[in-house]
Each structure stands twice: as C-alpha cells, then as structure tokens.
Amino acid sequence: MQLSEAIRKRILELMKENNIKTINAVTNLAGISNTLNDFMLGKVELLKLDTLLHICEAFNIELYEFFHNPLFKDVQYEKNK
C-alpha cells in the first residue's frame, strides 16, 4: 500500500472510532487549513509532519499511536511523478 493511501485510511478509521462525520470537522478540531481536505481528495500527495501532529491532537492521540497500526506494516513511499 502507498503511504498516502495508508494515511488516508487511518484518518478515516480514526474518524469512525471518534464518531466524527466530516473531514471539515477534523480540520476544525485540528486548527489546520484546507490541506487535509486537499489531501483526502488526492490533490496533495503527502501531509507535512506538523500537520499530521495537529490531526493526531484532534483525535487526542500521540503521533506514534497514529502509525502503530497494521496499515503501515508494508507501506511503500510513492515516488515523485
């Protein structure tokens, strides 16, 4: 699985676990711009680490908890297009 796909799936998984219905709600909780919307739509390839940290804060988890998931076991980095 590509890294961006694994991150998207993990965000959706955390949204479901936390009963958060929309990406905009995560964006508001995280206090970040529309970068997350663009990422989830595939318009942005990867998120900055500090953006991901804010997303983790929105879910009230640590960064290591985000990546401590089977989705990231065999993840691959997509090469620049």
PDB file of N, CA and C in Angstrom:
ATOM      1  N   MET A   1       0.853  -1.175   0.000  1.00  0.00           N
ATOM      2  CA  MET A   1       0.000   0.000   0.000  1.00  0.00           C
ATOM      3  C   MET A   1       0.901   1.240   0.000  1.00  0.00           C
ATOM      4  N   GLN A   2       0.475   2.240  -0.730  1.00  0.00           N
ATOM      5  CA  GLN A   2       1.208   3.501  -0.765  1.00  0.00           C
ATOM      6  C   GLN A   2       1.018   4.258   0.548  1.00  0.00           C
ATOM      7  N   LEU A   3       2.018   5.037   0.940  1.00  0.00           N
ATOM      8  CA  LEU A   3       1.977   5.774   2.195  1.00  0.00           C
ATOM      9  C   LEU A   3       0.772   6.696   2.273  1.00  0.00           C
ATOM     10  N   SER A   4       0.509   7.451   1.233  1.00  0.00           N
ATOM     11  CA  SER A   4      -0.622   8.386   1.262  1.00  0.00           C
ATOM     12  C   SER A   4      -1.952   7.646   1.443  1.00  0.00           C
ATOM     13  N   GLU A   5      -2.095   6.507   0.809  1.00  0.00           N
ATOM     14  CA  GLU A   5      -3.323   5.712   0.946  1.00  0.00           C
ATOM     15  C   GLU A   5      -3.484   5.206   2.381  1.00  0.00           C
ATOM     16  N   ALA A   6      -2.397   4.762   2.984  1.00  0.00           N
ATOM     17  CA  ALA A   6      -2.445   4.277   4.366  1.00  0.00           C
ATOM     18  C   ALA A   6      -2.819   5.408   5.320  1.00  0.00           C
ATOM     19  N   ILE A   7      -2.279   6.595   5.096  1.00  0.00           N
ATOM     20  CA  ILE A   7      -2.603   7.738   5.957  1.00  0.00           C
ATOM     21  C   ILE A   7      -4.072   8.106   5.808  1.00  0.00           C
ATOM     22  N   ARG A   8      -4.568   8.138   4.573  1.00  0.00           N
ATOM     23  CA  ARG A   8      -5.984   8.448   4.353  1.00  0.00           C
ATOM     24  C   ARG A   8      -6.885   7.430   5.063  1.00  0.00           C
ATOM     25  N   LYS A   9      -6.564   6.151   4.909  1.00  0.00           N
ATOM     26  CA  LYS A   9      -7.374   5.104   5.548  1.00  0.00           C
ATOM     27  C   LYS A   9      -7.326   5.228   7.070  1.00  0.00           C
ATOM     28  N   ARG A  10      -6.159   5.555   7.612  1.00  0.00           N
ATOM     29  CA  ARG A  10      -6.028   5.694   9.062  1.00  0.00           C
ATOM     30  C   ARG A  10      -6.849   6.876   9.572  1.00  0.00           C
ATOM     31  N   ILE A  11      -6.848   7.978   8.840  1.00  0.00           N
ATOM     32  CA  ILE A  11      -7.661   9.126   9.238  1.00  0.00           C
ATOM     33  C   ILE A  11      -9.137   8.758   9.217  1.00  0.00           C
ATOM     34  N   LEU A  12      -9.575   8.082   8.179  1.00  0.00           N
ATOM     35  CA  LEU A  12     -10.981   7.656   8.108  1.00  0.00           C
ATOM     36  C   LEU A  12     -11.332   6.684   9.238  1.00  0.00           C
ATOM     37  N   GLU A  13     -10.406   5.802   9.567  1.00  0.00           N
ATOM     38  CA  GLU A  13     -10.596   4.856  10.666  1.00  0.00           C
ATOM     39  C   GLU A  13     -10.766   5.603  11.991  1.00  0.00           C
ATOM     40  N   LEU A  14      -9.913   6.595  12.223  1.00  0.00           N
ATOM     41  CA  LEU A  14      -9.991   7.376  13.462  1.00  0.00           C
ATOM     42  C   LEU A  14     -11.257   8.224  13.511  1.00  0.00           C
ATOM     43  N   MET A  15     -11.682   8.724  12.362  1.00  0.00           N
ATOM     44  CA  MET A  15     -12.942   9.473  12.316  1.00  0.00           C
ATOM     45  C   MET A  15     -14.102   8.584  12.738  1.00  0.00           C
ATOM     46  N   LYS A  16     -14.128   7.359  12.227  1.00  0.00           N
ATOM     47  CA  LYS A  16     -15.198   6.423  12.576  1.00  0.00           C
ATOM     48  C   LYS A  16     -15.161   6.093  14.069  1.00  0.00           C
ATOM     49  N   GLU A  17     -13.954   5.814  14.598  1.00  0.00           N
ATOM     50  CA  GLU A  17     -13.802   5.489  16.012  1.00  0.00           C
ATOM     51  C   GLU A  17     -14.261   6.634  16.918  1.00  0.00           C
ATOM     52  N   ASN A  18     -14.072   7.868  16.455  1.00  0.00           N
ATOM     53  CA  ASN A  18     -14.408   9.045  17.252  1.00  0.00           C
ATOM     54  C   ASN A  18     -15.742   9.671  16.860  1.00  0.00           C
ATOM     55  N   ASN A  19     -16.490   8.978  16.006  1.00  0.00           N
ATOM     56  CA  ASN A  19     -17.796   9.442  15.553  1.00  0.00           C
ATOM     57  C   ASN A  19     -17.731  10.860  14.978  1.00  0.00           C
ATOM     58  N   ILE A  20     -16.709  11.114  14.197  1.00  0.00           N
ATOM     59  CA  ILE A  20     -16.557  12.388  13.508  1.00  0.00           C
ATOM     60  C   ILE A  20     -16.997  12.164  12.067  1.00  0.00           C
ATOM     61  N   LYS A  21     -17.955  12.919  11.629  1.00  0.00           N
ATOM     62  CA  LYS A  21     -18.621  12.650  10.352  1.00  0.00           C
ATOM     63  C   LYS A  21     -17.932  13.243   9.124  1.00  0.00           C
ATOM     64  N   THR A  22     -17.214  14.373   9.288  1.00  0.00           N
ATOM     65  CA  THR A  22     -16.672  15.044   8.106  1.00  0.00           C
ATOM     66  C   THR A  22     -15.196  15.403   8.282  1.00  0.00           C
ATOM     67  N   ILE A  23     -14.533  15.534   7.151  1.00  0.00           N
ATOM     68  CA  ILE A  23     -13.142  15.990   7.151  1.00  0.00           C
ATOM     69  C   ILE A  23     -13.081  17.419   7.678  1.00  0.00           C
ATOM     70  N   ASN A  24     -14.087  18.230   7.344  1.00  0.00           N
ATOM     71  CA  ASN A  24     -14.107  19.606   7.848  1.00  0.00           C
ATOM     72  C   ASN A  24     -14.133  19.641   9.369  1.00  0.00           C
ATOM     73  N   ALA A  25     -14.799  18.703   9.990  1.00  0.00           N
ATOM     74  CA  ALA A  25     -14.822  18.645  11.450  1.00  0.00           C
ATOM     75  C   ALA A  25     -13.424  18.351  11.999  1.00  0.00           C
ATOM     76  N   VAL A  26     -12.708  17.456  11.352  1.00  0.00           N
ATOM     77  CA  VAL A  26     -11.328  17.161  11.770  1.00  0.00           C
ATOM     78  C   VAL A  26     -10.462  18.401  11.580  1.00  0.00           C
ATOM     79  N   THR A  27     -10.620  19.063  10.437  1.00  0.00           N
ATOM     80  CA  THR A  27      -9.867  20.277  10.150  1.00  0.00           C
ATOM     81  C   THR A  27     -10.092  21.323  11.236  1.00  0.00           C
ATOM     82  N   ASN A  28     -11.338  21.510  11.633  1.00  0.00           N
ATOM     83  CA  ASN A  28     -11.664  22.480  12.681  1.00  0.00           C
ATOM     84  C   ASN A  28     -11.076  22.074  14.021  1.00  0.00           C
ATOM     85  N   LEU A  29     -11.202  20.807  14.380  1.00  0.00           N
ATOM     86  CA  LEU A  29     -10.644  20.322  15.652  1.00  0.00           C
ATOM     87  C   LEU A  29      -9.123  20.454  15.679  1.00  0.00           C
ATOM     88  N   ALA A  30      -8.496  20.234  14.534  1.00  0.00           N
ATOM     89  CA  ALA A  30      -7.033  20.277  14.446  1.00  0.00           C
ATOM     90  C   ALA A  30      -6.507  21.704  14.305  1.00  0.00           C
ATOM     91  N   GLY A  31      -7.379  22.628  13.935  1.00  0.00           N
ATOM     92  CA  GLY A  31      -6.961  24.004  13.738  1.00  0.00           C
ATOM     93  C   GLY A  31      -6.020  24.166  12.548  1.00  0.00           C
ATOM     94  N   ILE A  32      -6.310  23.422  11.487  1.00  0.00           N
ATOM     95  CA  ILE A  32      -5.458  23.476  10.291  1.00  0.00           C
ATOM     96  C   ILE A  32      -6.264  23.998   9.106  1.00  0.00           C
ATOM     97  N   SER A  33      -5.567  24.314   8.045  1.00  0.00           N
ATOM     98  CA  SER A  33      -6.203  24.841   6.837  1.00  0.00           C
ATOM     99  C   SER A  33      -6.863  23.709   6.046  1.00  0.00           C
ATOM    100  N   ASN A  34      -7.204  24.014   4.833  1.00  0.00           N
ATOM    101  CA  ASN A  34      -7.859  23.034   3.960  1.00  0.00           C
ATOM    102  C   ASN A  34      -6.908  21.990   3.407  1.00  0.00           C
ATOM    103  N   THR A  35      -5.679  21.977   3.875  1.00  0.00           N
ATOM    104  CA  THR A  35      -4.705  20.992   3.402  1.00  0.00           C
ATOM    105  C   THR A  35      -5.233  19.577   3.566  1.00  0.00           C
ATOM    106  N   LEU A  36      -5.909  19.307   4.668  1.00  0.00           N
ATOM    107  CA  LEU A  36      -6.443  17.965   4.905  1.00  0.00           C
ATOM    108  C   LEU A  36      -7.495  17.611   3.863  1.00  0.00           C
ATOM    109  N   ASN A  37      -8.376  18.545   3.543  1.00  0.00           N
ATOM    110  CA  ASN A  37      -9.379  18.286   2.504  1.00  0.00           C
ATOM    111  C   ASN A  37      -8.699  17.944   1.186  1.00  0.00           C
ATOM    112  N   ASP A  38      -7.705  18.745   0.823  1.00  0.00           N
ATOM    113  CA  ASP A  38      -6.987  18.515  -0.428  1.00  0.00           C
ATOM    114  C   ASP A  38      -6.269  17.166  -0.417  1.00  0.00           C
ATOM    115  N   PHE A  39      -5.691  16.809   0.723  1.00  0.00           N
ATOM    116  CA  PHE A  39      -5.011  15.518   0.842  1.00  0.00           C
ATOM    117  C   PHE A  39      -6.001  14.362   0.695  1.00  0.00           C
ATOM    118  N   MET A  40      -7.129  14.456   1.372  1.00  0.00           N
ATOM    119  CA  MET A  40      -8.108  13.377   1.329  1.00  0.00           C
ATOM    120  C   MET A  40      -8.692  13.207  -0.074  1.00  0.00           C
ATOM    121  N   LEU A  41      -8.727  14.293  -0.836  1.00  0.00           N
ATOM    122  CA  LEU A  41      -9.225  14.229  -2.217  1.00  0.00           C
ATOM    123  C   LEU A  41      -8.133  13.842  -3.208  1.00  0.00           C
ATOM    124  N   GLY A  42      -6.902  13.680  -2.731  1.00  0.00           N
ATOM    125  CA  GLY A  42      -5.804  13.295  -3.602  1.00  0.00           C
ATOM    126  C   GLY A  42      -5.166  14.455  -4.339  1.00  0.00           C
ATOM    127  N   LYS A  43      -5.529  15.680  -3.987  1.00  0.00           N
ATOM    128  CA  LYS A  43      -4.944  16.859  -4.634  1.00  0.00           C
ATOM    129  C   LYS A  43      -3.551  17.159  -4.087  1.00  0.00           C
ATOM    130  N   VAL A  44      -3.298  16.727  -2.862  1.00  0.00           N
ATOM    131  CA  VAL A  44      -1.994  16.863  -2.221  1.00  0.00           C
ATOM    132  C   VAL A  44      -1.483  15.459  -1.968  1.00  0.00           C
ATOM    133  N   GLU A  45      -0.222  15.197  -2.314  1.00  0.00           N
ATOM    134  CA  GLU A  45       0.314  13.844  -2.227  1.00  0.00           C
ATOM    135  C   GLU A  45       0.586  13.384  -0.801  1.00  0.00           C
ATOM    136  N   LEU A  46       1.224  14.234  -0.003  1.00  0.00           N
ATOM    137  CA  LEU A  46       1.556  13.883   1.373  1.00  0.00           C
ATOM    138  C   LEU A  46       1.328  15.070   2.294  1.00  0.00           C
ATOM    139  N   LEU A  47       1.134  14.774   3.568  1.00  0.00           N
ATOM    140  CA  LEU A  47       0.979  15.820   4.582  1.00  0.00           C
ATOM    141  C   LEU A  47       2.315  16.109   5.234  1.00  0.00           C
ATOM    142  N   LYS A  48       2.496  17.335   5.673  1.00  0.00           N
ATOM    143  CA  LYS A  48       3.666  17.664   6.481  1.00  0.00           C
ATOM    144  C   LYS A  48       3.501  16.995   7.838  1.00  0.00           C
ATOM    145  N   LEU A  49       4.605  16.703   8.460  1.00  0.00           N
ATOM    146  CA  LEU A  49       4.572  16.032   9.749  1.00  0.00           C
ATOM    147  C   LEU A  49       3.886  16.884  10.809  1.00  0.00           C
ATOM    148  N   ASP A  50       4.100  18.193  10.800  1.00  0.00           N
ATOM    149  CA  ASP A  50       3.440  19.036  11.796  1.00  0.00           C
ATOM    150  C   ASP A  50       1.925  19.073  11.584  1.00  0.00           C
ATOM    151  N   THR A  51       1.477  18.979  10.335  1.00  0.00           N
ATOM    152  CA  THR A  51       0.035  18.900  10.053  1.00  0.00           C
ATOM    153  C   THR A  51      -0.527  17.603  10.608  1.00  0.00           C
ATOM    154  N   LEU A  52       0.190  16.520  10.409  1.00  0.00           N
ATOM    155  CA  LEU A  52      -0.247  15.227  10.933  1.00  0.00           C
ATOM    156  C   LEU A  52      -0.285  15.239  12.464  1.00  0.00           C
ATOM    157  N   LEU A  53       0.653  15.942  13.075  1.00  0.00           N
ATOM    158  CA  LEU A  53       0.662  16.068  14.528  1.00  0.00           C
ATOM    159  C   LEU A  53      -0.597  16.778  15.014  1.00  0.00           C
ATOM    160  N   HIS A  54      -1.010  17.833  14.321  1.00  0.00           N
ATOM    161  CA  HIS A  54      -2.248  18.538  14.691  1.00  0.00           C
ATOM    162  C   HIS A  54      -3.469  17.642  14.504  1.00  0.00           C
ATOM    163  N   ILE A  55      -3.445  16.824  13.475  1.00  0.00           N
ATOM    164  CA  ILE A  55      -4.550  15.877  13.257  1.00  0.00           C
ATOM    165  C   ILE A  55      -4.609  14.880  14.408  1.00  0.00           C
ATOM    166  N   CYS A  56      -3.460  14.401  14.841  1.00  0.00           N
ATOM    167  CA  CYS A  56      -3.412  13.485  15.985  1.00  0.00           C
ATOM    168  C   CYS A  56      -3.973  14.154  17.235  1.00  0.00           C
ATOM    169  N   GLU A  57      -3.638  15.419  17.435  1.00  0.00           N
ATOM    170  CA  GLU A  57      -4.170  16.162  18.584  1.00  0.00           C
ATOM    171  C   GLU A  57      -5.692  16.242  18.515  1.00  0.00           C
ATOM    172  N   ALA A  58      -6.239  16.399  17.317  1.00  0.00           N
ATOM    173  CA  ALA A  58      -7.696  16.441  17.149  1.00  0.00           C
ATOM    174  C   ALA A  58      -8.338  15.127  17.586  1.00  0.00           C
ATOM    175  N   PHE A  59      -7.625  14.020  17.365  1.00  0.00           N
ATOM    176  CA  PHE A  59      -8.129  12.706  17.769  1.00  0.00           C
ATOM    177  C   PHE A  59      -7.688  12.327  19.187  1.00  0.00           C
ATOM    178  N   ASN A  60      -6.936  13.231  19.825  1.00  0.00           N
ATOM    179  CA  ASN A  60      -6.453  13.008  21.191  1.00  0.00           C
ATOM    180  C   ASN A  60      -5.570  11.769  21.285  1.00  0.00           C
ATOM    181  N   ILE A  61      -4.674  11.628  20.296  1.00  0.00           N
ATOM    182  CA  ILE A  61      -3.709  10.524  20.295  1.00  0.00           C
ATOM    183  C   ILE A  61      -2.314  11.087  20.044  1.00  0.00           C
ATOM    184  N   GLU A  62      -1.317  10.291  20.375  1.00  0.00           N
ATOM    185  CA  GLU A  62       0.068  10.647  20.095  1.00  0.00           C
ATOM    186  C   GLU A  62       0.410  10.234  18.666  1.00  0.00           C
ATOM    187  N   LEU A  63       1.423  10.855  18.118  1.00  0.00           N
ATOM    188  CA  LEU A  63       1.838  10.556  16.752  1.00  0.00           C
ATOM    189  C   LEU A  63       2.189   9.080  16.575  1.00  0.00           C
ATOM    190  N   TYR A  64       2.868   8.502  17.569  1.00  0.00           N
ATOM    191  CA  TYR A  64       3.234   7.081  17.447  1.00  0.00           C
ATOM    192  C   TYR A  64       1.990   6.196  17.400  1.00  0.00           C
ATOM    193  N   GLU A  65       0.915   6.614  18.063  1.00  0.00           N
ATOM    194  CA  GLU A  65      -0.323   5.829  18.026  1.00  0.00           C
ATOM    195  C   GLU A  65      -0.944   5.848  16.635  1.00  0.00           C
ATOM    196  N   PHE A  66      -0.770   6.957  15.930  1.00  0.00           N
ATOM    197  CA  PHE A  66      -1.296   7.049  14.573  1.00  0.00           C
ATOM    198  C   PHE A  66      -0.663   5.988  13.689  1.00  0.00           C
ATOM    199  N   PHE A  67       0.668   5.859  13.793  1.00  0.00           N
ATOM    200  CA  PHE A  67       1.392   4.928  12.936  1.00  0.00           C
ATOM    201  C   PHE A  67       1.458   3.503  13.483  1.00  0.00           C
ATOM    202  N   HIS A  68       1.092   3.319  14.733  1.00  0.00           N
ATOM    203  CA  HIS A  68       1.103   1.979  15.325  1.00  0.00           C
ATOM    204  C   HIS A  68      -0.194   1.272  14.926  1.00  0.00           C
ATOM    205  N   ASN A  69      -0.225   0.856  13.664  1.00  0.00           N
ATOM    206  CA  ASN A  69      -1.429   0.296  13.066  1.00  0.00           C
ATOM    207  C   ASN A  69      -0.994  -0.625  11.930  1.00  0.00           C
ATOM    208  N   PRO A  70      -1.692  -1.737  11.742  1.00  0.00           N
ATOM    209  CA  PRO A  70      -1.327  -2.678  10.673  1.00  0.00           C
ATOM    210  C   PRO A  70      -1.296  -2.057   9.276  1.00  0.00           C
ATOM    211  N   LEU A  71      -2.001  -0.955   9.057  1.00  0.00           N
ATOM    212  CA  LEU A  71      -1.978  -0.302   7.746  1.00  0.00           C
ATOM    213  C   LEU A  71      -0.565   0.075   7.313  1.00  0.00           C
ATOM    214  N   PHE A  72       0.303   0.330   8.282  1.00  0.00           N
ATOM    215  CA  PHE A  72       1.645   0.821   7.969  1.00  0.00           C
ATOM    216  C   PHE A  72       2.704  -0.276   7.948  1.00  0.00           C
ATOM    217  N   LYS A  73       2.292  -1.523   8.094  1.00  0.00           N
ATOM    218  CA  LYS A  73       3.244  -2.627   8.154  1.00  0.00           C
ATOM    219  C   LYS A  73       4.084  -2.747   6.881  1.00  0.00           C
ATOM    220  N   ASP A  74       3.460  -2.739   5.747  1.00  0.00           N
ATOM    221  CA  ASP A  74       4.170  -2.917   4.476  1.00  0.00           C
ATOM    222  C   ASP A  74       4.003  -1.711   3.555  1.00  0.00           C
ATOM    223  N   VAL A  75       3.964  -0.541   4.147  1.00  0.00           N
ATOM    224  CA  VAL A  75       3.718   0.671   3.379  1.00  0.00           C
ATOM    225  C   VAL A  75       4.904   0.988   2.473  1.00  0.00           C
ATOM    226  N   GLN A  76       4.586   1.585   1.322  1.00  0.00           N
ATOM    227  CA  GLN A  76       5.608   1.982   0.360  1.00  0.00           C
ATOM    228  C   GLN A  76       5.462   3.474   0.103  1.00  0.00           C
ATOM    229  N   TYR A  77       6.596   4.120  -0.124  1.00  0.00           N
ATOM    230  CA  TYR A  77       6.574   5.531  -0.468  1.00  0.00           C
ATOM    231  C   TYR A  77       6.423   5.681  -1.964  1.00  0.00           C
ATOM    232  N   GLU A  78       5.484   6.522  -2.363  1.00  0.00           N
ATOM    233  CA  GLU A  78       5.293   6.733  -3.792  1.00  0.00           C
ATOM    234  C   GLU A  78       6.353   7.698  -4.309  1.00  0.00           C
ATOM    235  N   LYS A  79       6.945   7.351  -5.402  1.00  0.00           N
ATOM    236  CA  LYS A  79       7.981   8.189  -5.999  1.00  0.00           C
ATOM    237  C   LYS A  79       7.342   9.392  -6.676  1.00  0.00           C
ATOM    238  N   ASN A  80       8.112  10.469  -6.773  1.00  0.00           N
ATOM    239  CA  ASN A  80       7.623  11.674  -7.460  1.00  0.00           C
ATOM    240  C   ASN A  80       7.209  11.341  -8.878  1.00  0.00           C
ATOM    241  N   LYS A  81       6.148  11.929  -9.289  1.00  0.00           N
ATOM    242  CA  LYS A  81       5.607  11.658 -10.622  1.00  0.00           C
ATOM    243  C   LYS A  81       6.249  12.550 -11.646  1.00  0.00           C
TER     244      LYS A  81
END
